[in-house]
N, C-alpha and C. Protein backbone atom coordinates (compact mmCIF):
# COMPACT_ATOMS: atom_id res chain seq x y z
N MET A 1 0.85 -1.18 0.00
CA MET A 1 0.00 0.00 0.00
C MET A 1 0.89 1.23 0.00
N ALA A 2 0.95 1.92 -1.11
CA ALA A 2 1.80 3.09 -1.29
C ALA A 2 1.10 4.33 -0.75
N LYS A 3 1.92 5.22 -0.19
CA LYS A 3 1.37 6.46 0.38
C LYS A 3 1.40 7.54 -0.70
N SER A 4 0.48 8.47 -0.60
CA SER A 4 0.44 9.56 -1.58
C SER A 4 1.54 10.57 -1.27
N ASP A 5 1.87 11.37 -2.26
CA ASP A 5 2.93 12.39 -2.09
C ASP A 5 2.55 13.39 -1.01
N GLN A 6 1.29 13.72 -0.93
CA GLN A 6 0.81 14.68 0.07
C GLN A 6 1.06 14.15 1.48
N HIS A 7 0.72 12.90 1.68
CA HIS A 7 0.91 12.27 2.98
C HIS A 7 2.40 12.19 3.34
N MET A 8 3.23 11.87 2.37
CA MET A 8 4.67 11.78 2.61
C MET A 8 5.25 13.17 2.99
N GLN A 9 4.71 14.22 2.39
CA GLN A 9 5.15 15.59 2.76
C GLN A 9 4.82 15.88 4.22
N LYS A 10 3.62 15.46 4.65
CA LYS A 10 3.23 15.68 6.06
C LYS A 10 4.15 14.92 7.00
N VAL A 11 4.45 13.67 6.64
CA VAL A 11 5.35 12.85 7.47
C VAL A 11 6.72 13.51 7.54
N ARG A 12 7.19 13.98 6.40
CA ARG A 12 8.51 14.64 6.34
C ARG A 12 8.53 15.89 7.24
N GLU A 13 7.47 16.72 7.20
CA GLU A 13 7.38 17.92 8.03
C GLU A 13 7.42 17.57 9.52
N VAL A 14 6.68 16.50 9.89
CA VAL A 14 6.65 16.08 11.30
C VAL A 14 8.04 15.66 11.75
N LEU A 15 8.72 14.87 10.91
CA LEU A 15 10.08 14.43 11.24
C LEU A 15 11.05 15.61 11.36
N MET A 16 10.92 16.58 10.45
CA MET A 16 11.78 17.78 10.49
C MET A 16 11.54 18.58 11.77
N LYS A 17 10.27 18.72 12.17
CA LYS A 17 9.95 19.46 13.40
C LYS A 17 10.56 18.78 14.61
N LYS A 18 10.47 17.43 14.65
CA LYS A 18 11.05 16.69 15.76
C LYS A 18 12.57 16.88 15.81
N GLN A 19 13.19 16.83 14.64
CA GLN A 19 14.65 16.99 14.58
C GLN A 19 15.07 18.39 15.05
N HIS A 20 14.32 19.42 14.61
CA HIS A 20 14.62 20.79 15.04
C HIS A 20 14.44 20.95 16.56
N ALA A 21 13.41 20.33 17.09
CA ALA A 21 13.16 20.40 18.53
C ALA A 21 14.31 19.76 19.30
N LYS A 22 14.79 18.61 18.81
CA LYS A 22 15.92 17.94 19.46
C LYS A 22 17.17 18.82 19.41
N GLU A 23 17.44 19.41 18.24
CA GLU A 23 18.61 20.28 18.10
C GLU A 23 18.53 21.48 19.04
N ARG A 24 17.33 22.08 19.11
CA ARG A 24 17.14 23.25 19.97
C ARG A 24 17.35 22.87 21.44
N ALA A 25 16.81 21.73 21.84
CA ALA A 25 16.96 21.28 23.23
C ALA A 25 18.43 21.03 23.55
N GLU A 26 19.16 20.43 22.62
CA GLU A 26 20.58 20.16 22.82
C GLU A 26 21.37 21.48 22.93
N HIS A 27 21.01 22.43 22.09
CA HIS A 27 21.67 23.73 22.13
C HIS A 27 21.43 24.43 23.47
N VAL A 28 20.21 24.42 23.94
CA VAL A 28 19.86 25.03 25.23
C VAL A 28 20.62 24.34 26.35
N ARG A 29 20.72 23.00 26.29
CA ARG A 29 21.44 22.24 27.31
C ARG A 29 22.93 22.65 27.32
N GLN A 30 23.50 22.82 26.14
CA GLN A 30 24.90 23.23 26.06
C GLN A 30 25.11 24.63 26.64
N LEU A 31 24.19 25.54 26.34
CA LEU A 31 24.29 26.90 26.88
C LEU A 31 24.22 26.89 28.41
N ARG A 32 23.32 26.07 28.94
CA ARG A 32 23.19 25.95 30.39
C ARG A 32 24.49 25.45 31.01
N GLN A 33 25.06 24.45 30.35
CA GLN A 33 26.32 23.87 30.84
C GLN A 33 27.44 24.93 30.80
N LEU A 34 27.51 25.69 29.71
CA LEU A 34 28.53 26.73 29.60
C LEU A 34 28.35 27.79 30.68
N ARG A 35 27.11 28.15 30.96
CA ARG A 35 26.83 29.13 32.00
C ARG A 35 27.31 28.63 33.35
N LYS A 36 27.06 27.34 33.62
CA LYS A 36 27.52 26.76 34.89
C LYS A 36 29.04 26.81 34.99
N VAL A 37 29.71 26.45 33.91
CA VAL A 37 31.17 26.47 33.90
C VAL A 37 31.70 27.89 34.10
N GLY A 38 31.05 28.85 33.45
CA GLY A 38 31.45 30.26 33.59
C GLY A 38 31.29 30.75 35.02
N LYS A 39 30.17 30.40 35.64
CA LYS A 39 29.95 30.80 37.03
C LYS A 39 31.00 30.18 37.94
N GLN A 40 31.31 28.92 37.68
CA GLN A 40 32.32 28.23 38.50
C GLN A 40 33.68 28.92 38.35
N ALA A 41 34.02 29.30 37.12
CA ALA A 41 35.30 29.97 36.88
C ALA A 41 35.33 31.33 37.59
N GLN A 42 34.20 32.03 37.57
CA GLN A 42 34.12 33.32 38.26
C GLN A 42 34.33 33.15 39.75
N LYS A 43 33.68 32.12 40.31
CA LYS A 43 33.83 31.87 41.75
C LYS A 43 35.28 31.57 42.10
N GLU A 44 35.92 30.74 41.28
CA GLU A 44 37.33 30.40 41.54
C GLU A 44 38.22 31.63 41.46
N ALA A 45 37.96 32.50 40.47
CA ALA A 45 38.76 33.72 40.33
C ALA A 45 38.56 34.63 41.54
N LYS A 46 37.32 34.74 42.01
CA LYS A 46 37.04 35.58 43.18
C LYS A 46 37.76 35.05 44.42
N VAL A 47 37.72 33.73 44.59
CA VAL A 47 38.39 33.11 45.74
C VAL A 47 39.90 33.33 45.65
N ARG A 48 40.46 33.17 44.45
CA ARG A 48 41.90 33.37 44.26
C ARG A 48 42.30 34.81 44.60
N GLN A 49 41.51 35.78 44.11
CA GLN A 49 41.81 37.19 44.39
C GLN A 49 41.71 37.48 45.89
N ALA A 50 40.70 36.90 46.54
CA ALA A 50 40.55 37.12 47.98
C ALA A 50 41.75 36.54 48.73
N ASN A 51 42.22 35.36 48.30
CA ASN A 51 43.40 34.76 48.94
C ASN A 51 44.64 35.63 48.76
N GLU A 52 44.83 36.15 47.54
CA GLU A 52 45.99 37.01 47.28
C GLU A 52 45.93 38.27 48.14
N LYS A 53 44.75 38.86 48.25
CA LYS A 53 44.60 40.07 49.05
C LYS A 53 44.87 39.78 50.52
N ARG A 54 44.37 38.65 51.00
CA ARG A 54 44.58 38.27 52.40
C ARG A 54 46.08 38.08 52.66
N LYS A 55 46.77 37.39 51.76
CA LYS A 55 48.21 37.18 51.92
C LYS A 55 48.96 38.50 51.93
N LEU A 56 48.58 39.41 51.04
CA LEU A 56 49.24 40.71 50.97
C LEU A 56 49.04 41.48 52.26
N LEU A 57 47.82 41.47 52.79
CA LEU A 57 47.53 42.18 54.04
C LEU A 57 48.31 41.57 55.20
N GLU A 58 48.44 40.23 55.20
CA GLU A 58 49.24 39.59 56.25
C GLU A 58 50.70 40.03 56.18
N GLU A 59 51.24 40.11 54.96
CA GLU A 59 52.63 40.55 54.79
C GLU A 59 52.81 42.00 55.24
N VAL A 60 51.81 42.84 54.94
CA VAL A 60 51.88 44.24 55.37
C VAL A 60 51.87 44.32 56.90
N LYS A 61 51.04 43.50 57.54
CA LYS A 61 50.99 43.49 59.01
C LYS A 61 52.35 43.07 59.58
N LYS A 62 52.94 42.03 58.97
CA LYS A 62 54.26 41.59 59.43
C LYS A 62 55.28 42.71 59.29
N TYR A 63 55.21 43.43 58.17
CA TYR A 63 56.15 44.53 57.95
C TYR A 63 55.96 45.63 58.99
N ARG A 64 54.70 45.95 59.28
CA ARG A 64 54.42 47.00 60.27
C ARG A 64 54.91 46.62 61.66
N LYS A 65 54.76 45.34 62.00
CA LYS A 65 55.19 44.89 63.32
C LYS A 65 56.71 44.74 63.41
N GLY A 66 57.39 44.77 62.28
CA GLY A 66 58.83 44.66 62.28
C GLY A 66 59.33 43.24 62.09
N LEU A 67 58.44 42.31 61.81
CA LEU A 67 58.87 40.93 61.58
C LEU A 67 59.51 40.77 60.20
N ARG A 68 59.22 41.71 59.34
CA ARG A 68 59.76 41.66 57.98
C ARG A 68 60.39 43.00 57.67
N THR A 69 61.54 42.99 57.01
CA THR A 69 62.24 44.26 56.77
C THR A 69 62.16 44.71 55.32
N ASP A 70 61.91 43.81 54.39
CA ASP A 70 61.87 44.22 52.99
C ASP A 70 60.44 44.29 52.49
N LEU A 71 60.28 45.02 51.40
CA LEU A 71 58.95 45.19 50.81
C LEU A 71 58.88 44.45 49.47
N ASP A 72 59.60 43.36 49.34
CA ASP A 72 59.63 42.63 48.07
C ASP A 72 58.30 42.00 47.72
N PHE A 73 57.47 41.73 48.70
CA PHE A 73 56.18 41.10 48.42
C PHE A 73 55.27 42.02 47.62
N LEU A 74 55.56 43.32 47.60
CA LEU A 74 54.75 44.24 46.81
C LEU A 74 55.06 44.12 45.32
N ASP A 75 56.27 43.65 45.00
CA ASP A 75 56.69 43.58 43.61
C ASP A 75 56.43 42.23 42.97
N GLU A 76 55.81 41.29 43.67
CA GLU A 76 55.62 39.94 43.14
C GLU A 76 54.78 39.93 41.88
N LYS A 77 53.78 40.78 41.80
CA LYS A 77 52.92 40.80 40.62
C LYS A 77 53.68 41.29 39.40
N LYS A 78 54.66 42.14 39.62
CA LYS A 78 55.38 42.73 38.49
C LYS A 78 56.53 41.85 38.02
N LYS A 79 56.77 40.73 38.69
CA LYS A 79 57.90 39.88 38.33
C LYS A 79 57.59 38.90 37.21
N THR A 80 56.44 39.02 36.59
CA THR A 80 56.11 38.10 35.51
C THR A 80 57.07 38.33 34.36
N PRO A 81 57.68 37.28 33.81
CA PRO A 81 58.67 37.47 32.75
C PRO A 81 58.02 37.93 31.46
N LYS A 82 58.71 38.85 30.80
CA LYS A 82 58.19 39.35 29.54
C LYS A 82 58.66 38.42 28.42
N PRO A 83 57.85 38.26 27.38
CA PRO A 83 58.27 37.40 26.28
C PRO A 83 59.49 37.97 25.57
N ALA A 84 60.34 37.06 25.10
CA ALA A 84 61.60 37.48 24.49
C ALA A 84 61.37 38.20 23.16
N ALA A 85 60.27 37.92 22.50
CA ALA A 85 60.00 38.53 21.20
C ALA A 85 59.78 40.03 21.33
N SER A 86 59.20 40.48 22.44
CA SER A 86 58.91 41.90 22.59
C SER A 86 60.14 42.70 23.01
N GLN A 87 61.19 42.01 23.45
CA GLN A 87 62.39 42.73 23.84
C GLN A 87 63.14 43.12 22.59
N GLY A 88 63.29 44.35 22.43
CA GLY A 88 63.47 45.20 21.36
C GLY A 88 64.33 44.92 20.17
N LYS A 89 63.72 45.01 19.06
CA LYS A 89 64.46 45.20 17.83
C LYS A 89 64.28 46.68 17.53
N ARG A 90 65.23 47.47 18.02
CA ARG A 90 65.12 48.92 17.80
C ARG A 90 66.11 49.32 16.73
N LYS A 91 65.65 50.14 15.85
CA LYS A 91 66.51 50.61 14.78
C LYS A 91 66.99 52.01 15.13
N GLY A 92 68.06 52.40 14.52
CA GLY A 92 68.58 53.73 14.74
C GLY A 92 69.75 53.71 15.70
N PRO A 93 70.36 54.86 15.89
CA PRO A 93 71.55 54.91 16.73
C PRO A 93 71.19 54.73 18.20
N THR A 94 72.01 53.98 18.90
CA THR A 94 71.80 53.81 20.33
C THR A 94 72.68 54.83 21.02
N ASP A 95 72.07 55.92 21.44
CA ASP A 95 72.81 57.03 22.04
C ASP A 95 72.87 56.82 23.54
N LYS A 96 74.08 56.56 24.05
CA LYS A 96 74.26 56.27 25.47
C LYS A 96 74.41 57.54 26.29
N LYS A 97 74.53 58.69 25.65
CA LYS A 97 74.75 59.94 26.35
C LYS A 97 73.46 60.36 27.08
N VAL A 98 73.59 60.70 28.36
CA VAL A 98 72.44 61.11 29.14
C VAL A 98 72.30 62.63 29.03
N HIS A 99 71.13 63.05 28.66
CA HIS A 99 70.90 64.47 28.47
C HIS A 99 70.65 65.17 29.81
N ALA A 100 70.82 66.47 29.82
CA ALA A 100 70.71 67.24 31.05
C ALA A 100 69.31 67.13 31.65
N LYS A 101 68.29 67.15 30.81
CA LYS A 101 66.92 67.06 31.31
C LYS A 101 66.68 65.72 32.00
N ARG A 102 67.22 64.63 31.39
CA ARG A 102 67.08 63.30 31.97
C ARG A 102 67.82 63.22 33.31
N GLN A 103 69.01 63.84 33.37
CA GLN A 103 69.77 63.85 34.62
C GLN A 103 69.00 64.57 35.71
N TYR A 104 68.40 65.70 35.37
CA TYR A 104 67.64 66.46 36.36
C TYR A 104 66.45 65.66 36.86
N LYS A 105 65.74 65.01 35.94
CA LYS A 105 64.58 64.21 36.34
C LYS A 105 65.02 63.04 37.22
N ASP A 106 66.15 62.40 36.88
CA ASP A 106 66.65 61.30 37.69
C ASP A 106 67.01 61.77 39.08
N GLN A 107 67.61 62.95 39.16
CA GLN A 107 68.01 63.47 40.46
C GLN A 107 66.78 63.84 41.29
N LYS A 108 65.76 64.39 40.63
CA LYS A 108 64.57 64.84 41.35
C LYS A 108 63.69 63.67 41.79
N PHE A 109 63.45 62.72 40.90
CA PHE A 109 62.52 61.65 41.18
C PHE A 109 63.20 60.32 41.48
N GLY A 110 64.48 60.20 41.20
CA GLY A 110 65.18 58.94 41.43
C GLY A 110 65.21 58.11 40.17
N PHE A 111 66.19 57.23 40.09
CA PHE A 111 66.33 56.39 38.91
C PHE A 111 66.32 54.94 39.33
N GLY A 112 65.34 54.19 38.88
CA GLY A 112 65.27 52.77 39.19
C GLY A 112 64.90 52.53 40.65
N GLY A 113 64.81 51.28 41.02
CA GLY A 113 64.52 50.94 42.41
C GLY A 113 63.09 51.22 42.80
N LYS A 114 62.84 51.19 44.09
CA LYS A 114 61.48 51.39 44.59
C LYS A 114 61.12 52.87 44.53
N LYS A 115 59.95 53.16 44.07
CA LYS A 115 59.51 54.55 43.93
C LYS A 115 58.63 54.97 45.10
N ARG A 116 58.04 54.00 45.79
CA ARG A 116 57.08 54.36 46.83
C ARG A 116 57.77 55.06 47.98
N GLY A 117 57.19 56.14 48.43
CA GLY A 117 57.65 56.80 49.64
C GLY A 117 58.93 57.58 49.49
N MET A 118 59.41 57.79 48.27
CA MET A 118 60.68 58.51 48.12
C MET A 118 60.54 59.98 48.49
N LYS A 119 59.39 60.56 48.21
CA LYS A 119 59.23 61.99 48.46
C LYS A 119 58.54 62.27 49.80
N ARG A 120 58.35 61.23 50.60
CA ARG A 120 57.74 61.44 51.91
C ARG A 120 58.79 61.94 52.89
N ASN A 121 58.33 62.66 53.90
CA ASN A 121 59.24 63.15 54.92
C ASN A 121 59.70 62.00 55.81
N THR A 122 60.97 62.05 56.17
CA THR A 122 61.51 61.12 57.14
C THR A 122 62.04 61.92 58.31
N LYS A 123 62.45 61.23 59.36
CA LYS A 123 62.96 61.92 60.53
C LYS A 123 64.18 62.76 60.17
N SER A 124 65.08 62.18 59.40
CA SER A 124 66.31 62.90 59.05
C SER A 124 66.01 64.07 58.11
N SER A 125 65.09 63.89 57.16
CA SER A 125 64.81 64.98 56.23
C SER A 125 64.07 66.12 56.92
N THR A 126 63.29 65.81 57.93
CA THR A 126 62.57 66.86 58.64
C THR A 126 63.52 67.68 59.51
N SER A 127 64.49 67.01 60.12
CA SER A 127 65.41 67.72 61.00
C SER A 127 66.51 68.44 60.23
N ASP A 128 66.67 68.14 58.94
CA ASP A 128 67.71 68.76 58.13
C ASP A 128 67.25 70.15 57.70
N VAL A 129 67.96 71.18 58.15
CA VAL A 129 67.59 72.55 57.80
C VAL A 129 68.69 73.21 56.98
N SER A 130 69.57 72.42 56.38
CA SER A 130 70.70 73.00 55.65
C SER A 130 70.24 73.75 54.39
N GLU A 131 69.14 73.32 53.79
CA GLU A 131 68.68 73.96 52.56
C GLU A 131 67.66 75.07 52.82
N PHE A 132 67.38 75.35 54.08
CA PHE A 132 66.36 76.35 54.39
C PHE A 132 66.92 77.75 54.18
N ARG A 133 66.20 78.56 53.45
CA ARG A 133 66.57 79.96 53.25
C ARG A 133 65.39 80.81 53.70
N ARG A 134 65.70 81.79 54.55
CA ARG A 134 64.65 82.66 55.05
C ARG A 134 64.19 83.58 53.93
N PRO A 135 62.88 83.63 53.70
CA PRO A 135 62.43 84.49 52.62
C PRO A 135 62.62 85.96 52.98
N GLY A 136 63.17 86.72 52.06
CA GLY A 136 63.42 88.14 52.30
C GLY A 136 62.56 88.98 51.40
N LYS A 137 62.84 90.27 51.42
CA LYS A 137 62.10 91.17 50.54
C LYS A 137 62.55 90.93 49.11
N PRO A 138 61.64 91.04 48.19
CA PRO A 138 62.06 90.87 46.80
C PRO A 138 62.99 92.01 46.39
N LYS A 139 64.07 91.67 45.75
CA LYS A 139 65.07 92.69 45.38
C LYS A 139 64.72 93.23 44.01
N ARG A 140 64.70 94.56 43.95
CA ARG A 140 64.40 95.22 42.69
C ARG A 140 65.71 95.68 42.05
N PRO A 141 65.79 95.60 40.78
CA PRO A 141 67.01 96.09 40.14
C PRO A 141 67.09 97.61 40.25
N ARG A 142 68.27 98.10 40.59
CA ARG A 142 68.43 99.56 40.73
C ARG A 142 68.66 100.18 39.36
N THR A 143 67.81 101.11 39.06
CA THR A 143 67.97 101.84 37.80
C THR A 143 68.25 103.29 38.15
N ALA A 144 68.94 103.94 37.29
CA ALA A 144 69.26 105.35 37.53
C ALA A 144 67.97 106.15 37.55
N GLN A 145 67.85 107.00 38.58
CA GLN A 145 66.63 107.79 38.70
C GLN A 145 66.82 109.07 37.89
N LYS A 146 66.11 109.15 36.80
CA LYS A 146 66.28 110.29 35.89
C LYS A 146 65.14 111.29 36.09
N HIS A 147 65.49 112.51 35.96
CA HIS A 147 64.49 113.59 35.90
C HIS A 147 63.54 113.58 37.07
N GLN A 148 64.09 113.43 38.27
CA GLN A 148 63.21 113.48 39.43
C GLN A 148 63.00 114.95 39.78
N ARG A 149 61.77 115.34 39.96
CA ARG A 149 61.45 116.75 40.21
C ARG A 149 61.90 117.11 41.62
N PRO A 150 62.65 118.20 41.76
CA PRO A 150 63.10 118.62 43.10
C PRO A 150 61.92 119.05 43.96
N GLY A 151 62.16 119.04 45.27
CA GLY A 151 61.09 119.44 46.17
C GLY A 151 60.80 120.94 46.10
N LYS A 152 59.80 121.37 46.89
CA LYS A 152 59.32 122.74 46.79
C LYS A 152 60.39 123.73 47.25
N SER A 153 61.05 123.45 48.35
CA SER A 153 62.05 124.40 48.88
C SER A 153 63.23 124.52 47.92
N ARG A 154 63.65 123.39 47.34
CA ARG A 154 64.77 123.45 46.39
C ARG A 154 64.37 124.23 45.15
N ARG A 155 63.14 124.07 44.72
CA ARG A 155 62.68 124.81 43.54
C ARG A 155 62.65 126.31 43.83
N LEU A 156 62.24 126.68 45.05
CA LEU A 156 62.21 128.12 45.41
C LEU A 156 63.62 128.69 45.45
N LYS A 157 64.57 127.88 45.98
CA LYS A 157 65.97 128.34 46.02
C LYS A 157 66.51 128.53 44.62
N MET A 158 66.21 127.61 43.75
CA MET A 158 66.69 127.71 42.37
C MET A 158 66.07 128.92 41.68
N LYS A 159 64.83 129.20 41.98
CA LYS A 159 64.14 130.35 41.39
C LYS A 159 64.76 131.66 41.85
N ALA A 160 65.13 131.63 43.16
CA ALA A 160 65.75 132.84 43.71
C ALA A 160 67.11 133.06 43.06
N LYS A 161 67.89 131.99 42.81
CA LYS A 161 69.21 132.12 42.19
C LYS A 161 69.07 132.65 40.77
N MET A 162 68.04 132.26 40.09
CA MET A 162 67.86 132.68 38.70
C MET A 162 67.55 134.19 38.62
N LYS A 163 66.90 134.72 39.63
CA LYS A 163 66.53 136.13 39.61
C LYS A 163 67.73 137.02 39.87
N LYS A 164 68.72 136.56 40.57
CA LYS A 164 69.88 137.38 40.90
C LYS A 164 70.78 137.61 39.76
C-alpha cells in the first residue's frame, strides 16, 4: 500500500519538526552547561583574588610589626617574565649619552629601584635645615633715577638764584 505524495510531505514535516526540537533542546542544554562552567570559573577567580589580598595584608601586618624588613612582596605581581620577542628590535643609533633634562629628572625623582615613599618626609629629612633659606624682601634692580622733580624748597631756592 503506497502512500500519496501529500501524505509523505506531512510525514517529512513532522520528522523535520522533531529533529529541530531535538537540536534546539541540545543547544539550550549546552548553553546551560557553559553558563555553569562560567559561574564556576568566576567563583574560583574571586576566591583566588581574595586569597591574594589576604596574603598581601598579612605581609603588610608583618612589615608593620617589624617581623619583615623588605617590601619585596609588593613587587611579586610585576615579576612576571616578559616574552623574548617583545624585547626590542630597535633601529637607529643607540645614544648612550644622558641628556641634562634626563639627569635632572633622575636626580629629582630617582632612577630605578622602589619609587614608593621617596618623596615622603623622614625623621632625618625633617630635621635637616641645611637647605632652608629665610624668605626676604624681593630685590628690585636699581635703575638710575632720571628727571626726578626737586622738592618745593629746592625749587624756590633755584628760582631765587635765577633772579639774581
